[in-house]
Protein backbone atom coordinates (compact mmCIF):
# COMPACT_ATOMS: atom_id res chain seq x y z
CA UNK A 1 -48.23 4.36 30.19
CA UNK A 2 -45.22 4.08 32.43
CA UNK A 3 -44.43 7.00 34.70
CA UNK A 4 -41.08 8.21 35.95
CA UNK A 5 -40.49 7.02 39.52
CA UNK A 6 -40.86 9.78 42.09
CA UNK A 7 -37.27 9.36 43.31
CA UNK A 8 -35.80 9.70 39.78
CA UNK A 9 -38.01 12.71 39.08
CA UNK A 10 -36.88 14.34 42.29
CA UNK A 11 -33.25 13.59 41.45
CA UNK A 12 -33.66 15.13 38.00
CA UNK A 13 -35.26 18.28 39.38
CA UNK A 14 -32.56 18.57 42.00
CA UNK A 15 -29.71 18.20 39.48
CA UNK A 16 -31.37 19.93 36.52
CA UNK A 17 -28.98 22.94 36.57
CA UNK A 18 -25.98 20.60 36.56
CA UNK A 19 -27.40 18.53 33.70
CA UNK A 20 -28.03 21.68 31.67
CA UNK A 21 -24.45 22.82 32.25
CA UNK A 22 -23.07 19.41 31.21
CA UNK A 23 -25.18 19.38 28.02
CA UNK A 24 -24.08 22.93 27.23
CA UNK A 25 -20.39 22.05 27.72
CA UNK A 26 -20.74 18.95 25.54
CA UNK A 27 -22.42 21.00 22.78
CA UNK A 28 -19.69 23.62 22.88
CA UNK A 29 -17.00 20.89 22.87
CA UNK A 30 -18.50 19.14 19.84
CA UNK A 31 -18.86 22.47 18.02
CA UNK A 32 -15.24 23.38 18.71
CA UNK A 33 -14.10 19.89 17.70
CA UNK A 34 -15.93 20.18 14.38
CA UNK A 35 -14.51 23.64 13.79
CA UNK A 36 -10.99 22.46 14.57
CA UNK A 37 -11.41 19.54 12.19
CA UNK A 38 -12.68 21.87 9.45
CA UNK A 39 -9.78 24.28 10.03
CA UNK A 40 -7.35 21.37 9.98
CA UNK A 41 -8.80 20.13 6.67
CA UNK A 42 -8.64 23.65 5.25
CA UNK A 43 -4.93 23.77 6.05
CA UNK A 44 -4.42 20.33 4.52
CA UNK A 45 -6.14 21.41 1.30
CA UNK A 46 -4.27 24.73 1.16
CA UNK A 47 -0.93 22.94 1.52
CA UNK A 48 -1.96 20.33 -1.06
CA UNK A 49 -2.99 22.99 -3.58
CA UNK A 50 0.26 24.90 -3.04
CA UNK A 51 2.28 21.73 -3.61
CA UNK A 52 0.39 21.02 -6.84
CA UNK A 53 0.72 24.60 -8.07
CA UNK A 54 4.48 24.49 -7.39
CA UNK A 55 4.73 21.37 -9.56
CA UNK A 56 2.74 23.12 -12.30
CA UNK A 57 5.20 26.06 -12.17
CA UNK A 58 8.22 23.76 -12.50
CA UNK A 59 6.68 22.07 -15.53
CA UNK A 60 5.76 25.46 -16.99
CA UNK A 61 9.39 26.56 -16.65
CA UNK A 62 10.16 23.82 -19.15
CA UNK A 63 12.79 21.67 -17.42
CA UNK A 64 11.74 18.58 -15.51
CA UNK A 65 11.85 14.79 -15.39
CA UNK A 66 8.67 12.92 -14.50
CA UNK A 67 8.60 9.14 -14.13
CA UNK A 68 5.19 7.51 -13.91
CA UNK A 69 3.28 4.24 -13.99
CA UNK A 70 0.03 4.34 -15.97
CA UNK A 71 -2.90 2.09 -15.09
CA UNK A 72 -6.07 1.69 -17.10
CA UNK A 73 -9.32 1.70 -15.13
CA UNK A 74 -7.27 1.33 -11.92
CA UNK A 75 -6.24 -2.22 -12.84
CA UNK A 76 -2.86 -3.61 -13.87
CA UNK A 77 -0.11 -1.25 -15.06
CA UNK A 78 -0.24 -0.49 -18.78
CA UNK A 79 3.27 0.92 -19.02
CA UNK A 80 5.97 2.89 -17.30
CA UNK A 81 6.94 6.22 -18.79
CA UNK A 82 9.74 8.70 -18.28
CA UNK A 83 8.98 12.22 -19.50
CA UNK A 84 11.75 14.80 -19.92
CA UNK A 85 11.48 18.40 -21.04
CA UNK A 86 14.17 21.02 -21.59
CA UNK A 87 14.90 23.94 -23.93
CA UNK A 88 11.93 23.34 -26.22
CA UNK A 89 12.51 19.60 -26.45
CA UNK A 90 10.30 16.91 -24.97
CA UNK A 91 11.19 13.25 -24.69
CA UNK A 92 8.93 10.41 -23.68
CA UNK A 93 10.37 6.97 -22.98
CA UNK A 94 7.72 4.27 -22.93
CA UNK A 95 8.66 1.01 -21.20
CA UNK A 96 6.54 -2.10 -21.58
CA UNK A 97 4.77 -3.57 -18.51
CA UNK A 98 7.38 -6.32 -18.07
CA UNK A 99 10.07 -3.64 -17.83
CA UNK A 100 11.84 -5.02 -20.88
CA UNK A 101 14.07 -2.04 -21.59
CA UNK A 102 15.20 -3.42 -24.95
CA UNK A 103 11.65 -3.32 -26.31
CA UNK A 104 10.89 0.22 -25.29
CA UNK A 105 10.06 2.95 -27.78
CA UNK A 106 11.10 6.56 -27.30
CA UNK A 107 9.84 9.77 -28.83
CA UNK A 108 11.79 13.02 -28.90
CA UNK A 109 9.63 16.01 -29.78
CA UNK A 110 11.43 19.06 -31.14
CA UNK A 111 8.60 21.33 -30.08
CA UNK A 112 9.96 24.53 -31.63
CA UNK A 113 10.58 22.83 -35.00
CA UNK A 114 7.39 20.73 -35.28
CA UNK A 115 9.50 17.59 -35.68
CA UNK A 116 9.60 14.27 -33.92
CA UNK A 117 12.31 11.62 -33.62
CA UNK A 118 10.97 8.11 -33.12
CA UNK A 119 13.52 5.67 -31.66
CA UNK A 120 13.23 1.87 -31.74
CA UNK A 121 15.76 0.68 -29.19
CA UNK A 122 15.46 -3.05 -29.85
CA UNK A 123 16.42 -2.57 -33.51
CA UNK A 124 18.71 0.43 -32.82
CA UNK A 125 16.92 2.48 -35.45
CA UNK A 126 15.30 5.90 -35.59
CA UNK A 127 13.37 8.07 -37.98
CA UNK A 128 12.80 11.82 -38.18
CA UNK A 129 9.16 12.78 -38.76
CA UNK A 130 7.59 16.12 -39.64
CA UNK A 131 4.79 16.55 -37.14
CA UNK A 132 2.49 19.56 -37.21
CA UNK A 133 0.05 18.06 -34.72
CA UNK A 134 0.18 19.44 -31.17
CA UNK A 135 1.61 17.15 -28.55
CA UNK A 136 -1.01 15.68 -26.21
CA UNK A 137 0.06 15.74 -22.57
CA UNK A 138 -1.07 12.66 -20.64
CA UNK A 139 -1.05 14.76 -17.45
CA UNK A 140 -2.00 18.32 -18.40
CA UNK A 141 -1.14 21.28 -16.22
CA UNK A 142 -2.36 24.22 -18.34
CA UNK A 143 -5.90 25.29 -19.28
CA UNK A 144 -7.29 23.63 -16.17
CA UNK A 145 -9.97 24.98 -13.87
CA UNK A 146 -10.19 23.92 -10.24
CA UNK A 147 -13.49 22.18 -9.51
CA UNK A 148 -13.22 20.60 -6.07
CA UNK A 149 -11.27 19.00 -3.27
CA UNK A 150 -11.63 16.12 -0.87
CA UNK A 151 -10.19 12.84 0.35
CA UNK A 152 -10.09 9.58 -1.56
CA UNK A 153 -8.08 6.38 -1.65
CA UNK A 154 -5.02 6.52 -3.89
CA UNK A 155 -2.62 3.59 -4.13
CA UNK A 156 -4.04 2.14 -0.91
CA UNK A 157 -4.00 5.35 1.17
CA UNK A 158 -6.70 7.88 2.04
CA UNK A 159 -5.16 11.14 0.80
CA UNK A 160 -6.24 14.73 0.09
CA UNK A 161 -6.78 15.72 -3.52
CA UNK A 162 -7.47 18.84 -5.54
CA UNK A 163 -9.63 18.28 -8.62
CA UNK A 164 -9.18 20.13 -11.92
CA UNK A 165 -11.30 20.04 -15.08
CA UNK A 166 -10.13 20.08 -18.69
CA UNK A 167 -12.47 20.62 -21.63
CA UNK A 168 -11.47 18.37 -24.55
CA UNK A 169 -12.74 18.26 -28.12
CA UNK A 170 -13.41 14.53 -28.39
CA UNK A 171 -13.76 13.28 -24.80
CA UNK A 172 -15.76 16.13 -23.30
CA UNK A 173 -14.89 17.11 -19.74
CA UNK A 174 -12.01 15.26 -18.11
CA UNK A 175 -11.30 15.56 -14.40
CA UNK A 176 -7.87 15.20 -12.84
CA UNK A 177 -7.61 14.53 -9.12
CA UNK A 178 -4.08 15.37 -8.02
CA UNK A 179 -3.18 13.58 -4.77
CA UNK A 180 -0.61 14.86 -2.27
CA UNK A 181 1.30 13.09 0.50
CA UNK A 182 4.08 14.57 2.65
CA UNK A 183 4.18 17.73 0.52
CA UNK A 184 4.70 15.76 -2.70
CA UNK A 185 2.36 15.07 -5.60
CA UNK A 186 2.07 11.28 -5.67
CA UNK A 187 -0.31 10.81 -8.58
CA UNK A 188 -3.52 11.52 -10.43
CA UNK A 189 -6.91 9.91 -10.93
CA UNK A 190 -8.27 10.64 -14.41
CA UNK A 191 -12.07 10.59 -14.73
CA UNK A 192 -14.76 11.66 -17.12
CA UNK A 193 -18.43 12.44 -16.53
CA UNK A 194 -19.48 8.80 -16.24
CA UNK A 195 -16.67 6.64 -14.92
CA UNK A 196 -13.00 6.29 -14.01
CA UNK A 197 -10.56 6.23 -16.89
CA UNK A 198 -7.24 5.55 -15.25
CA UNK A 199 -4.63 6.18 -12.64
CA UNK A 200 -1.16 7.70 -12.88
CA UNK A 201 1.33 7.04 -10.09
CA UNK A 202 4.26 9.46 -9.79
CA UNK A 203 7.48 7.54 -9.17
CA UNK A 204 9.88 10.46 -9.53
CA UNK A 205 9.70 14.19 -10.16
CA UNK A 206 12.75 16.44 -10.41
CA UNK A 207 13.59 19.76 -12.00
CA UNK A 208 16.92 18.85 -13.65
CA UNK A 209 17.50 17.14 -17.00
CA UNK A 210 20.79 16.18 -18.70
CA UNK A 211 21.24 17.23 -22.33
CA UNK A 212 22.23 13.66 -23.23
CA UNK A 213 18.62 12.59 -22.81
CA UNK A 214 17.85 14.22 -26.17
CA UNK A 215 20.81 12.69 -28.04
CA UNK A 216 20.34 9.80 -30.46
CA UNK A 217 22.98 7.09 -29.79
CA UNK A 218 25.71 7.03 -32.44
CA UNK A 219 25.19 3.35 -33.28
CA UNK A 220 21.52 3.85 -34.17
CA UNK A 221 20.66 3.69 -37.87
CA UNK A 222 18.60 6.47 -39.41
CA UNK A 223 15.70 5.37 -41.61
CA UNK A 224 14.24 7.37 -44.47
CA UNK A 225 10.76 5.81 -44.37
CA UNK A 226 8.59 4.30 -41.67
CA UNK A 227 8.20 1.12 -43.75
CA UNK A 228 11.89 0.32 -43.27
CA UNK A 229 11.56 -0.24 -39.53
CA UNK A 230 12.67 -3.70 -38.39
CA UNK A 231 9.77 -5.58 -36.73
CA UNK A 232 10.07 -5.18 -32.96
CA UNK A 233 8.32 -8.38 -31.83
């Protein structure tokens, strides 16, 4: 077995107090560094949660415009959507992946009247439908419970998120990770218990909506039955 040379042992004994001080200072420094990092992350998460909650409040007030891109299983975009809400009316404009505006389909939900207007822009036709079914929000903001927080990659960036859980009848528990960057909600990862379901990228969010959004163009023809719709493709 090798032994420590006498000179090195003597040097160690001579400088032992200094070595102990250095080790102590390094331990304190690393502890403080970890604490500072934890405090910094706490502030990041608090700011992120406040930003998300502010967005929830704006949507709860019932007047907003949200423009999103929806991706399935984090792959290619499925569609672009513009969602408007104001005065008990909700409109969703669905644009096809190739951004062909003429082939888009719009829905105007008259929430207080349990009615829906379905617009086919390519054919310039629309139909009024009695609809007693509740509207399903692709990005819910009510009846959610906060379940976690952390960092993850969203749209190519490592960003903080706050995770919320929604209990659904048919899909079980769904988890929504709301991501924040520069005090703005930039999107959501939607997951279930087993795997990722999709990604929603926020392109625009504002709290003002023009009344014209809920007006059917005058040159659109009203249909009396869904079977009368002109084929769109």
